[in-house]
C-alpha atoms as a PDB file:
ATOM      1  CA  MET A   1     -22.793 -13.055   6.607  1.00  0.00           C
ATOM      2  CA  LEU A   2     -24.504 -10.349   4.913  1.00  0.00           C
ATOM      3  CA  ASN A   3     -25.139  -8.432   7.745  1.00  0.00           C
ATOM      4  CA  PHE A   4     -21.372  -8.531   8.550  1.00  0.00           C
ATOM      5  CA  LEU A   5     -20.274  -7.215   5.206  1.00  0.00           C
ATOM      6  CA  ILE A   6     -22.621  -4.449   5.369  1.00  0.00           C
ATOM      7  CA  ARG A   7     -21.333  -3.381   8.806  1.00  0.00           C
ATOM      8  CA  ARG A   8     -17.756  -3.375   7.386  1.00  0.00           C
ATOM      9  CA  ILE A   9     -18.637  -1.643   4.254  1.00  0.00           C
ATOM     10  CA  LEU A  10     -20.683   1.038   6.123  1.00  0.00           C
ATOM     11  CA  LEU A  11     -17.516   1.404   8.333  1.00  0.00           C
ATOM     12  CA  ALA A  12     -15.041   1.598   5.356  1.00  0.00           C
ATOM     13  CA  VAL A  13     -17.227   4.318   3.912  1.00  0.00           C
ATOM     14  CA  LEU A  14     -17.445   6.365   6.987  1.00  0.00           C
ATOM     15  CA  THR A  15     -13.628   6.247   7.601  1.00  0.00           C
ATOM     16  CA  LEU A  16     -12.776   7.261   3.809  1.00  0.00           C
ATOM     17  CA  PHE A  17     -15.356  10.111   4.460  1.00  0.00           C
ATOM     18  CA  ALA A  18     -13.342  11.195   7.875  1.00  0.00           C
ATOM     19  CA  VAL A  19     -10.103  11.318   5.679  1.00  0.00           C
ATOM     20  CA  SER A  20     -11.496  12.868   2.702  1.00  0.00           C
ATOM     21  CA  VAL A  21     -12.686  15.737   5.218  1.00  0.00           C
ATOM     22  CA  LEU A  22      -9.174  15.948   6.926  1.00  0.00           C
ATOM     23  CA  THR A  23      -7.402  16.017   3.445  1.00  0.00           C
ATOM     24  CA  PHE A  24      -9.594  18.744   2.150  1.00  0.00           C
ATOM     25  CA  LEU A  25      -9.088  21.022   5.447  1.00  0.00           C
ATOM     26  CA  MET A  26      -5.349  20.245   4.975  1.00  0.00           C
ATOM     27  CA  PHE A  27      -5.786  21.802   1.582  1.00  0.00           C
ATOM     28  CA  PHE A  28      -6.472  25.169   3.464  1.00  0.00           C
ATOM     29  CA  ALA A  29      -3.857  24.472   6.467  1.00  0.00           C
ATOM     30  CA  LEU A  30      -0.838  24.450   4.161  1.00  0.00           C
ATOM     31  CA  PRO A  31       0.289  27.800   3.574  1.00  0.00           C
ATOM     32  CA  ARG A  32       0.818  27.922  -0.279  1.00  0.00           C
ATOM     33  CA  ASP A  33      -1.869  29.481  -1.983  1.00  0.00           C
ATOM     34  CA  PRO A  34      -3.240  27.606  -5.072  1.00  0.00           C
ATOM     35  CA  ALA A  35      -4.430  30.965  -6.961  1.00  0.00           C
ATOM     36  CA  THR A  36      -0.726  32.385  -6.375  1.00  0.00           C
ATOM     37  CA  ALA A  37       0.707  29.321  -7.743  1.00  0.00           C
ATOM     38  CA  MET A  38      -1.376  29.431 -10.775  1.00  0.00           C
ATOM     39  CA  CYS A  39      -1.053  33.043 -11.357  1.00  0.00           C
ATOM     40  CA  PRO A  40       1.607  33.993 -13.937  1.00  0.00           C
ATOM     41  CA  LYS A  41       4.987  36.268 -12.661  1.00  0.00           C
ATOM     42  CA  ASN A  42       3.930  39.984 -12.346  1.00  0.00           C
ATOM     43  CA  CYS A  43       0.387  39.088 -11.486  1.00  0.00           C
ATOM     44  CA  ASP A  44      -1.610  42.103 -10.003  1.00  0.00           C
ATOM     45  CA  ALA A  45      -4.412  41.729  -7.562  1.00  0.00           C
ATOM     46  CA  ALA A  46      -7.230  42.164 -10.114  1.00  0.00           C
ATOM     47  CA  ARG A  47      -5.700  38.972 -12.223  1.00  0.00           C
ATOM     48  CA  LEU A  48      -5.062  37.121  -8.782  1.00  0.00           C
ATOM     49  CA  GLU A  49      -8.783  37.722  -7.900  1.00  0.00           C
ATOM     50  CA  ARG A  50     -10.046  36.297 -11.019  1.00  0.00           C
ATOM     51  CA  VAL A  51      -7.828  33.272 -10.660  1.00  0.00           C
ATOM     52  CA  ARG A  52      -9.408  32.558  -7.207  1.00  0.00           C
ATOM     53  CA  ASP A  53     -12.892  33.043  -8.815  1.00  0.00           C
ATOM     54  CA  GLU A  54     -11.922  30.417 -11.682  1.00  0.00           C
ATOM     55  CA  LEU A  55     -10.420  27.863  -9.316  1.00  0.00           C
ATOM     56  CA  GLY A  56     -13.508  28.261  -7.042  1.00  0.00           C
ATOM     57  CA  LEU A  57     -11.725  29.474  -4.173  1.00  0.00           C
ATOM     58  CA  ASN A  58     -14.162  32.270  -3.090  1.00  0.00           C
ATOM     59  CA  ASP A  59     -16.862  29.693  -2.380  1.00  0.00           C
ATOM     60  CA  PRO A  60     -17.584  28.727   1.017  1.00  0.00           C
ATOM     61  CA  LYS A  61     -15.262  25.439   2.331  1.00  0.00           C
ATOM     62  CA  TYR A  62     -18.313  23.118   2.324  1.00  0.00           C
ATOM     63  CA  VAL A  63     -19.483  24.290  -1.171  1.00  0.00           C
ATOM     64  CA  GLN A  64     -15.918  23.296  -2.102  1.00  0.00           C
ATOM     65  CA  TYR A  65     -15.707  20.244  -0.402  1.00  0.00           C
ATOM     66  CA  LEU A  66     -19.278  19.422  -2.068  1.00  0.00           C
ATOM     67  CA  HIS A  67     -17.620  20.140  -5.608  1.00  0.00           C
ATOM     68  CA  TYR A  68     -14.811  17.702  -4.795  1.00  0.00           C
ATOM     69  CA  VAL A  69     -16.855  14.905  -3.697  1.00  0.00           C
ATOM     70  CA  LYS A  70     -19.255  15.017  -6.621  1.00  0.00           C
ATOM     71  CA  GLY A  71     -16.069  15.024  -8.899  1.00  0.00           C
ATOM     72  CA  ILE A  72     -14.667  11.994  -7.317  1.00  0.00           C
ATOM     73  CA  PHE A  73     -18.370  10.163  -8.275  1.00  0.00           C
ATOM     74  CA  ALA A  74     -19.749  11.949 -11.346  1.00  0.00           C
ATOM     75  CA  GLY A  75     -16.622  14.249 -12.499  1.00  0.00           C
ATOM     76  CA  ARG A  76     -17.005  18.174 -12.633  1.00  0.00           C
ATOM     77  CA  ASP A  77     -15.902  21.138 -14.754  1.00  0.00           C
ATOM     78  CA  LEU A  78     -12.845  22.663 -13.130  1.00  0.00           C
ATOM     79  CA  GLY A  79     -12.915  25.642 -15.923  1.00  0.00           C
ATOM     80  CA  ALA A  80     -10.870  26.591 -18.328  1.00  0.00           C
ATOM     81  CA  ALA A  81      -7.937  27.612 -15.826  1.00  0.00           C
ATOM     82  CA  GLN A  82      -8.185  24.310 -15.322  1.00  0.00           C
ATOM     83  CA  GLY A  83      -8.150  21.846 -18.361  1.00  0.00           C
ATOM     84  CA  GLY A  84     -12.235  21.923 -18.615  1.00  0.00           C
ATOM     85  CA  TYR A  85     -14.281  19.150 -17.840  1.00  0.00           C
ATOM     86  CA  CYS A  86     -12.744  16.476 -15.612  1.00  0.00           C
ATOM     87  CA  ASP A  87     -14.524  12.680 -15.527  1.00  0.00           C
ATOM     88  CA  ALA A  88     -14.831  10.692 -12.785  1.00  0.00           C
ATOM     89  CA  PRO A  89     -13.308  10.152 -10.546  1.00  0.00           C
ATOM     90  CA  CYS A  90     -11.709  13.730 -10.546  1.00  0.00           C
ATOM     91  CA  LEU A  91      -9.279  14.366  -7.782  1.00  0.00           C
ATOM     92  CA  GLY A  92      -8.634  17.790  -8.914  1.00  0.00           C
ATOM     93  CA  TYR A  93      -6.115  20.040 -11.191  1.00  0.00           C
ATOM     94  CA  SER A  94      -2.129  19.762 -10.565  1.00  0.00           C
ATOM     95  CA  TYR A  95      -1.036  23.314 -11.159  1.00  0.00           C
ATOM     96  CA  VAL A  96       2.363  22.288 -11.021  1.00  0.00           C
ATOM     97  CA  ASN A  97       2.196  18.913 -13.672  1.00  0.00           C
ATOM     98  CA  SER A  98      -0.618  21.004 -15.476  1.00  0.00           C
ATOM     99  CA  GLU A  99      -2.587  18.097 -15.570  1.00  0.00           C
ATOM    100  CA  PRO A 100      -5.649  16.609 -13.614  1.00  0.00           C
ATOM    101  CA  VAL A 101      -4.229  14.564 -10.684  1.00  0.00           C
ATOM    102  CA  THR A 102      -6.137  11.412 -11.946  1.00  0.00           C
ATOM    103  CA  GLU A 103      -4.013  11.364 -14.957  1.00  0.00           C
ATOM    104  CA  THR A 104      -1.141  11.555 -12.857  1.00  0.00           C
ATOM    105  CA  ILE A 105      -2.207   8.733 -10.727  1.00  0.00           C
ATOM    106  CA  VAL A 106      -3.099   6.614 -13.517  1.00  0.00           C
ATOM    107  CA  ARG A 107       0.599   7.115 -15.099  1.00  0.00           C
ATOM    108  CA  VAL A 108       2.429   5.973 -11.815  1.00  0.00           C
ATOM    109  CA  ILE A 109       0.147   3.520  -9.978  1.00  0.00           C
ATOM    110  CA  PRO A 110       1.088   0.612 -12.103  1.00  0.00           C
ATOM    111  CA  VAL A 111       4.739   1.121 -11.111  1.00  0.00           C
ATOM    112  CA  THR A 112       3.590   0.867  -7.536  1.00  0.00           C
ATOM    113  CA  LEU A 113       1.498  -2.387  -8.243  1.00  0.00           C
ATOM    114  CA  SER A 114       4.483  -3.926 -10.115  1.00  0.00           C
ATOM    115  CA  ILE A 115       6.497  -3.250  -6.783  1.00  0.00           C
ATOM    116  CA  VAL A 116       4.004  -4.370  -4.169  1.00  0.00           C
ATOM    117  CA  VAL A 117       2.062  -7.423  -5.459  1.00  0.00           C
ATOM    118  CA  PRO A 118       4.654  -9.522  -7.019  1.00  0.00           C
ATOM    119  CA  ALA A 119       6.813  -8.610  -3.577  1.00  0.00           C
ATOM    120  CA  SER A 120       4.003  -9.180  -1.170  1.00  0.00           C
ATOM    121  CA  VAL A 121       3.558 -12.433  -2.593  1.00  0.00           C
ATOM    122  CA  LEU A 122       7.144 -13.400  -2.244  1.00  0.00           C
ATOM    123  CA  TRP A 123       7.359 -12.180   1.380  1.00  0.00           C
ATOM    124  CA  LEU A 124       4.206 -13.973   2.386  1.00  0.00           C
ATOM    125  CA  ALA A 125       5.063 -17.298   0.824  1.00  0.00           C
ATOM    126  CA  VAL A 126       8.562 -17.339   2.162  1.00  0.00           C
ATOM    127  CA  GLY A 127       8.274 -15.796   5.758  1.00  0.00           C
ATOM    128  CA  ILE A 128       4.870 -17.611   6.571  1.00  0.00           C
ATOM    129  CA  GLY A 129       6.539 -20.809   4.986  1.00  0.00           C
ATOM    130  CA  LEU A 130       9.919 -20.589   7.011  1.00  0.00           C
ATOM    131  CA  GLY A 131       8.119 -19.680  10.538  1.00  0.00           C
ATOM    132  CA  MET A 132       5.679 -23.187  10.266  1.00  0.00           C
ATOM    133  CA  LEU A 133       8.540 -25.246   8.966  1.00  0.00           C
ATOM    134  CA  SER A 134      11.085 -23.590  11.950  1.00  0.00           C
ATOM    135  CA  ALA A 135       8.237 -24.231  14.377  1.00  0.00           C
ATOM    136  CA  LEU A 136       7.861 -27.864  13.344  1.00  0.00           C
ATOM    137  CA  ARG A 137      11.491 -28.317  13.526  1.00  0.00           C
ATOM    138  CA  LEU A 138      12.192 -26.844  16.593  1.00  0.00           C
ATOM    139  CA  GLY A 139      15.643 -26.713  18.112  1.00  0.00           C
ATOM    140  CA  THR A 140      17.352 -27.892  14.899  1.00  0.00           C
ATOM    141  CA  VAL A 141      19.471 -26.171  12.725  1.00  0.00           C
ATOM    142  CA  PHE A 142      16.910 -25.811  10.691  1.00  0.00           C
ATOM    143  CA  ASP A 143      15.387 -23.554  13.286  1.00  0.00           C
ATOM    144  CA  ARG A 144      18.452 -21.832  14.701  1.00  0.00           C
ATOM    145  CA  LEU A 145      19.489 -20.849  10.854  1.00  0.00           C
ATOM    146  CA  ALA A 146      15.972 -19.510  10.304  1.00  0.00           C
ATOM    147  CA  ILE A 147      16.289 -17.503  13.475  1.00  0.00           C
ATOM    148  CA  GLY A 148      19.016 -16.138  12.678  1.00  0.00           C
ATOM    149  CA  VAL A 149      18.242 -15.066   9.193  1.00  0.00           C
ATOM    150  CA  SER A 150      15.081 -13.408  10.206  1.00  0.00           C
ATOM    151  CA  LEU A 151      16.645 -11.477  13.028  1.00  0.00           C
ATOM    152  CA  THR A 152      18.954 -10.159  10.311  1.00  0.00           C
ATOM    153  CA  GLY A 153      16.534  -9.225   8.098  1.00  0.00           C
ATOM    154  CA  ALA A 154      14.356  -7.449  10.938  1.00  0.00           C
ATOM    155  CA  SER A 155      17.670  -5.387  11.564  1.00  0.00           C
ATOM    156  CA  LEU A 156      18.178  -4.126   8.496  1.00  0.00           C
ATOM    157  CA  GLN A 157      16.990  -0.998   6.500  1.00  0.00           C
ATOM    158  CA  LEU A 158      15.522  -1.130   3.057  1.00  0.00           C
ATOM    159  CA  TYR A 159      17.780   1.572   1.702  1.00  0.00           C
ATOM    160  CA  PHE A 160      20.786  -0.608   2.831  1.00  0.00           C
ATOM    161  CA  VAL A 161      19.549  -4.041   1.242  1.00  0.00           C
ATOM    162  CA  GLY A 162      18.791  -2.174  -1.895  1.00  0.00           C
ATOM    163  CA  GLY A 163      22.014  -0.720  -2.128  1.00  0.00           C
ATOM    164  CA  VAL A 164      23.687  -3.963  -1.623  1.00  0.00           C
ATOM    165  CA  LEU A 165      21.776  -5.694  -3.921  1.00  0.00           C
ATOM    166  CA  LEU A 166      22.400  -2.909  -6.651  1.00  0.00           C
ATOM    167  CA  LEU A 167      25.806  -3.103  -5.967  1.00  0.00           C
ATOM    168  CA  VAL A 168      26.287  -6.907  -6.356  1.00  0.00           C
ATOM    169  CA  PHE A 169      23.912  -7.620  -8.957  1.00  0.00           C
ATOM    170  CA  VAL A 170      23.885  -4.480 -11.109  1.00  0.00           C
ATOM    171  CA  TYR A 171      27.276  -2.907 -10.855  1.00  0.00           C
ATOM    172  CA  THR A 172      29.496  -6.060  -9.788  1.00  0.00           C
ATOM    173  CA  LEU A 173      28.281  -9.001 -11.668  1.00  0.00           C
ATOM    174  CA  LYS A 174      26.367  -6.902 -14.209  1.00  0.00           C
ATOM    175  CA  ILE A 175      23.794  -9.954 -14.516  1.00  0.00           C
ATOM    176  CA  LEU A 176      20.515  -7.349 -13.792  1.00  0.00           C
ATOM    177  CA  PRO A 177      19.739  -4.282 -15.494  1.00  0.00           C
ATOM    178  CA  TYR A 178      18.923  -1.361 -13.357  1.00  0.00           C
ATOM    179  CA  PRO A 179      15.487  -1.414 -12.065  1.00  0.00           C
ATOM    180  CA  ARG A 180      13.121   0.163 -14.327  1.00  0.00           C
ATOM    181  CA  TYR A 181       9.408   0.163 -15.237  1.00  0.00           C
ATOM    182  CA  THR A 182       8.286  -1.821 -18.243  1.00  0.00           C
ATOM    183  CA  PRO A 183       4.558  -2.399 -18.621  1.00  0.00           C
ATOM    184  CA  ILE A 184       3.943  -5.864 -18.203  1.00  0.00           C
ATOM    185  CA  LEU A 185       1.894  -6.495 -21.083  1.00  0.00           C
ATOM    186  CA  ASP A 186       4.738  -5.093 -23.462  1.00  0.00           C
ATOM    187  CA  ASN A 187       7.432  -7.089 -22.307  1.00  0.00           C
ATOM    188  CA  PRO A 188       6.736  -9.735 -19.497  1.00  0.00           C
ATOM    189  CA  TRP A 189      10.319 -10.725 -19.305  1.00  0.00           C
ATOM    190  CA  ASP A 190      11.891  -7.280 -19.056  1.00  0.00           C
ATOM    191  CA  TRP A 191       9.069  -6.036 -16.669  1.00  0.00           C
ATOM    192  CA  ALA A 192      10.095  -8.807 -14.316  1.00  0.00           C
ATOM    193  CA  THR A 193      14.002  -8.720 -14.424  1.00  0.00           C
ATOM    194  CA  ALA A 194      13.968  -5.038 -14.113  1.00  0.00           C
ATOM    195  CA  LEU A 195      11.902  -5.006 -10.925  1.00  0.00           C
ATOM    196  CA  ILE A 196      13.254  -8.156  -9.339  1.00  0.00           C
ATOM    197  CA  LEU A 197      15.951  -6.647  -7.187  1.00  0.00           C
ATOM    198  CA  PRO A 198      13.061  -4.437  -5.358  1.00  0.00           C
ATOM    199  CA  TRP A 199      10.967  -7.446  -5.144  1.00  0.00           C
ATOM    200  CA  CYS A 200      13.877  -9.276  -3.386  1.00  0.00           C
ATOM    201  CA  ALA A 201      14.760  -6.340  -0.986  1.00  0.00           C
ATOM    202  CA  LEU A 202      11.156  -6.045   0.086  1.00  0.00           C
ATOM    203  CA  ALA A 203      10.603 -10.034   0.482  1.00  0.00           C
ATOM    204  CA  PHE A 204      13.772 -10.259   2.717  1.00  0.00           C
ATOM    205  CA  LEU A 205      12.773  -7.823   4.981  1.00  0.00           C
ATOM    206  CA  PHE A 206       9.231  -8.218   5.386  1.00  0.00           C
ATOM    207  CA  SER A 207       9.556 -12.224   5.273  1.00  0.00           C
ATOM    208  CA  ALA A 208      11.681 -11.675   8.257  1.00  0.00           C
ATOM    209  CA  VAL A 209       8.909 -10.391  10.187  1.00  0.00           C
ATOM    210  CA  TYR A 210       6.406 -12.920   9.190  1.00  0.00           C
ATOM    211  CA  ALA A 211       8.611 -15.805   9.720  1.00  0.00           C
ATOM    212  CA  ARG A 212       9.138 -14.695  13.453  1.00  0.00           C
ATOM    213  CA  LEU A 213       5.232 -14.093  13.939  1.00  0.00           C
ATOM    214  CA  SER A 214       4.208 -17.396  12.124  1.00  0.00           C
ATOM    215  CA  ARG A 215       6.828 -19.405  14.149  1.00  0.00           C
ATOM    216  CA  ALA A 216       5.747 -17.880  17.544  1.00  0.00           C
ATOM    217  CA  GLN A 217       1.821 -18.472  16.638  1.00  0.00           C
ATOM    218  CA  MET A 218       2.303 -22.014  15.308  1.00  0.00           C
ATOM    219  CA  LEU A 219       4.345 -23.028  18.423  1.00  0.00           C
ATOM    220  CA  GLU A 220       1.545 -21.569  20.389  1.00  0.00           C
ATOM    221  CA  THR A 221      -1.002 -23.524  18.588  1.00  0.00           C
ATOM    222  CA  LEU A 222       0.635 -26.703  18.748  1.00  0.00           C
ATOM    223  CA  SER A 223       0.301 -26.193  22.304  1.00  0.00           C
ATOM    224  CA  GLU A 224      -3.186 -26.044  22.625  1.00  0.00           C
ATOM    225  CA  ASP A 225      -5.579 -28.814  24.345  1.00  0.00           C
ATOM    226  CA  TYR A 226      -7.224 -29.450  20.842  1.00  0.00           C
ATOM    227  CA  VAL A 227      -4.054 -30.094  19.003  1.00  0.00           C
ATOM    228  CA  ARG A 228      -2.729 -32.543  21.680  1.00  0.00           C
ATOM    229  CA  THR A 229      -6.449 -34.269  21.612  1.00  0.00           C
ATOM    230  CA  ALA A 230      -6.016 -34.520  17.817  1.00  0.00           C
ATOM    231  CA  HIS A 231      -2.803 -36.319  18.293  1.00  0.00           C
ATOM    232  CA  ALA A 232      -3.984 -38.345  21.106  1.00  0.00           C
ATOM    233  CA  LYS A 233      -7.063 -39.731  18.927  1.00  0.00           C
ATOM    234  CA  GLY A 234      -4.149 -41.167  16.974  1.00  0.00           C
ATOM    235  CA  LEU A 235      -4.434 -38.916  13.547  1.00  0.00           C
ATOM    236  CA  PRO A 236      -1.442 -38.453  11.666  1.00  0.00           C
ATOM    237  CA  SER A 237       0.647 -35.134  12.579  1.00  0.00           C
ATOM    238  CA  ARG A 238       0.053 -33.951   8.676  1.00  0.00           C
ATOM    239  CA  THR A 239      -3.543 -34.219   9.197  1.00  0.00           C
ATOM    240  CA  VAL A 240      -3.409 -32.612  12.533  1.00  0.00           C
ATOM    241  CA  ILE A 241      -1.108 -29.765  11.293  1.00  0.00           C
ATOM    242  CA  ARG A 242      -3.031 -29.175   8.046  1.00  0.00           C
ATOM    243  CA  ARG A 243      -6.810 -29.291   9.446  1.00  0.00           C
ATOM    244  CA  HIS A 244      -6.090 -27.948  12.832  1.00  0.00           C
ATOM    245  CA  ALA A 245      -3.104 -26.200  13.554  1.00  0.00           C
ATOM    246  CA  LEU A 246      -2.247 -24.592  10.358  1.00  0.00           C
ATOM    247  CA  ARG A 247      -5.700 -22.828   9.868  1.00  0.00           C
ATOM    248  CA  ALA A 248      -5.637 -21.550  13.763  1.00  0.00           C
ATOM    249  CA  ALA A 249      -2.009 -20.394  13.387  1.00  0.00           C
ATOM    250  CA  ILE A 250      -2.399 -18.362  10.140  1.00  0.00           C
ATOM    251  CA  THR A 251      -5.650 -16.261  10.965  1.00  0.00           C
ATOM    252  CA  PRO A 252      -3.702 -13.541  12.807  1.00  0.00           C
ATOM    253  CA  LEU A 253      -1.327 -13.391   9.865  1.00  0.00           C
ATOM    254  CA  VAL A 254      -4.320 -12.158   7.626  1.00  0.00           C
ATOM    255  CA  THR A 255      -4.543  -9.036   9.766  1.00  0.00           C
ATOM    256  CA  THR A 256      -0.897  -8.184   9.607  1.00  0.00           C
ATOM    257  CA  ALA A 257      -0.667  -9.080   5.967  1.00  0.00           C
ATOM    258  CA  GLY A 258      -3.678  -6.962   4.813  1.00  0.00           C
ATOM    259  CA  VAL A 259      -3.005  -3.857   6.679  1.00  0.00           C
ATOM    260  CA  GLU A 260       0.968  -4.021   5.587  1.00  0.00           C
ATOM    261  CA  ILE A 261       0.029  -4.684   2.174  1.00  0.00           C
ATOM    262  CA  GLY A 262      -2.647  -1.872   2.055  1.00  0.00           C
ATOM    263  CA  ALA A 263       0.159   0.246   3.702  1.00  0.00           C
ATOM    264  CA  ALA A 264       2.850  -0.816   1.211  1.00  0.00           C
ATOM    265  CA  LEU A 265       0.411   0.245  -1.680  1.00  0.00           C
ATOM    266  CA  GLY A 266      -0.126   3.703  -0.549  1.00  0.00           C
ATOM    267  CA  GLY A 267       3.401   4.311   0.811  1.00  0.00           C
ATOM    268  CA  THR A 268       6.334   2.815  -1.422  1.00  0.00           C
ATOM    269  CA  VAL A 269       8.381   5.935  -0.935  1.00  0.00           C
ATOM    270  CA  ILE A 270      11.801   4.223   0.217  1.00  0.00           C
ATOM    271  CA  THR A 271      11.634   1.667  -2.360  1.00  0.00           C
ATOM    272  CA  GLU A 272      10.825   4.035  -5.135  1.00  0.00           C
ATOM    273  CA  THR A 273      13.618   6.396  -4.241  1.00  0.00           C
ATOM    274  CA  THR A 274      16.340   3.546  -3.218  1.00  0.00           C
ATOM    275  CA  PHE A 275      15.730   1.717  -6.890  1.00  0.00           C
ATOM    276  CA  GLY A 276      15.050   5.399  -8.769  1.00  0.00           C
ATOM    277  CA  LEU A 277      11.528   4.085  -9.739  1.00  0.00           C
ATOM    278  CA  ARG A 278       8.788   6.828  -9.723  1.00  0.00           C
ATOM    279  CA  GLY A 279       5.351   5.567  -8.412  1.00  0.00           C
ATOM    280  CA  LEU A 280       2.910   6.950  -6.015  1.00  0.00           C
ATOM    281  CA  GLY A 281       5.265   7.039  -3.003  1.00  0.00           C
ATOM    282  CA  ARG A 282       7.407   9.372  -5.215  1.00  0.00           C
ATOM    283  CA  THR A 283       4.902  11.342  -6.434  1.00  0.00           C
ATOM    284  CA  ALA A 284       3.476  12.209  -3.129  1.00  0.00           C
ATOM    285  CA  ILE A 285       7.083  13.136  -2.262  1.00  0.00           C
ATOM    286  CA  ASP A 286       7.597  15.468  -5.010  1.00  0.00           C
ATOM    287  CA  ALA A 287       3.932  16.983  -4.504  1.00  0.00           C
ATOM    288  CA  VAL A 288       5.135  17.687  -1.004  1.00  0.00           C
ATOM    289  CA  LYS A 289       8.187  19.506  -2.264  1.00  0.00           C
ATOM    290  CA  ASP A 290       6.435  21.411  -4.784  1.00  0.00           C
ATOM    291  CA  GLY A 291       3.462  22.532  -2.626  1.00  0.00           C
ATOM    292  CA  ASP A 292       1.011  20.759  -5.166  1.00  0.00           C
ATOM    293  CA  LEU A 293      -1.989  20.787  -3.012  1.00  0.00           C
ATOM    294  CA  PRO A 294      -4.440  18.653  -5.316  1.00  0.00           C
ATOM    295  CA  THR A 295      -1.924  15.772  -5.943  1.00  0.00           C
ATOM    296  CA  ILE A 296      -1.264  15.784  -2.137  1.00  0.00           C
ATOM    297  CA  MET A 297      -4.741  15.452  -1.380  1.00  0.00           C
ATOM    298  CA  GLY A 298      -5.634  12.808  -4.135  1.00  0.00           C
ATOM    299  CA  THR A 299      -2.484  10.627  -3.055  1.00  0.00           C
ATOM    300  CA  VAL A 300      -3.359  10.541   0.236  1.00  0.00           C
ATOM    301  CA  LEU A 301      -6.620  10.096  -0.299  1.00  0.00           C
ATOM    302  CA  LEU A 302      -5.863   6.839  -2.589  1.00  0.00           C
ATOM    303  CA  ALA A 303      -3.380   5.730   0.248  1.00  0.00           C
ATOM    304  CA  ALA A 304      -5.993   5.573   2.942  1.00  0.00           C
ATOM    305  CA  ALA A 305      -8.541   3.743   0.331  1.00  0.00           C
ATOM    306  CA  PHE A 306      -5.847   1.361  -0.022  1.00  0.00           C
ATOM    307  CA  ILE A 307      -5.716   0.684   3.584  1.00  0.00           C
ATOM    308  CA  VAL A 308      -9.336   0.831   4.062  1.00  0.00           C
ATOM    309  CA  VAL A 309     -10.032  -1.805   1.256  1.00  0.00           C
ATOM    310  CA  ALA A 310      -7.164  -4.438   2.358  1.00  0.00           C
ATOM    311  CA  ASN A 311      -8.949  -4.123   6.092  1.00  0.00           C
ATOM    312  CA  VAL A 312     -12.504  -4.792   4.516  1.00  0.00           C
ATOM    313  CA  VAL A 313     -10.855  -7.755   2.436  1.00  0.00           C
ATOM    314  CA  VAL A 314      -9.196  -9.034   5.690  1.00  0.00           C
ATOM    315  CA  ASP A 315     -12.472  -9.159   7.462  1.00  0.00           C
ATOM    316  CA  VAL A 316     -13.967 -10.862   4.662  1.00  0.00           C
ATOM    317  CA  LEU A 317     -11.276 -13.488   4.787  1.00  0.00           C
ATOM    318  CA  TYR A 318     -11.708 -13.824   8.466  1.00  0.00           C
ATOM    319  CA  THR A 319     -15.432 -15.039   7.920  1.00  0.00           C
ATOM    320  CA  PHE A 320     -13.708 -18.048   6.011  1.00  0.00           C
ATOM    321  CA  ILE A 321     -11.056 -18.659   8.065  1.00  0.00           C
ATOM    322  CA  ASP A 322     -13.112 -18.450  11.401  1.00  0.00           C
ATOM    323  CA  PRO A 323     -16.732 -18.594  10.893  1.00  0.00           C
ATOM    324  CA  ARG A 324     -17.415 -17.481  14.661  1.00  0.00           C
ATOM    325  CA  VAL A 325     -16.746 -13.702  13.339  1.00  0.00           C
ATOM    326  CA  ARG A 326     -19.756 -13.566  11.434  1.00  0.00           C
ATOM    327  CA  LEU A 327     -21.719 -13.877  14.921  1.00  0.00           C
ATOM    328  CA  ARG A 328     -19.898 -10.604  16.173  1.00  0.00           C
END
């Protein structure tokens, strides 16, 4: 078990290292010069060169990368032009927002977490539950209705579903407020009521996918020999489903759920845009529009970290769901 975890963690570290190198190289591949953005109007060549020196852009590329990595783990001095010392984890300085990138991310990440985490609980519970029940009631009205709903959900787009929810519940019925972010510790009720529409929109679309996957997986598991053998031994159907079929059917879904939740945390662009919320996704898009390279690097690296960590969590869960994984 320990060796398995060490291998997975080392692989995760190597992946993040590769992503950090690529994002850092992207910093120099984009056409916008940070020194030009930091330098005031009517900036002459001498002033521009001083700004480049203050930003450390005259250092060799590998030295700049080492300084960047050092800032993530130990903090670093960004110089007077970039606000002075930046505590770890330091992801650079946004010359568009005039603040460290870490402060920008800390301000917007609660919005993204408040959208994705509750929505993921909803779509997993509804989607997997609906798919499992549909498989157990194969051919019934419930099964046909579940298939129809899942196909509808899989065919729609978030901006359409979100627009319909806003039109019905906010503008027409006026029973819910327009989505906004309120810290959960300040007012849990306002936090929940203001974000319930994004949760429902995401849950409807993603649960449709999980309903189809879990139904197909459960049907395949129920046809396995060991399940038929358990029934032949006289075990109650509830025991066979709970101890044998359910555990085997849910294993492949763990991988899908882990990857999608990690990806959703790193890229809620459409959700935030549809509902007028400013989280990590909107921040990344605005950074691209403004050419804010340090913020682009920080958000890309954080999004990659979400996905990598989600995969590590999935691997750990696999060892409990299927002990055979530990032997690989």
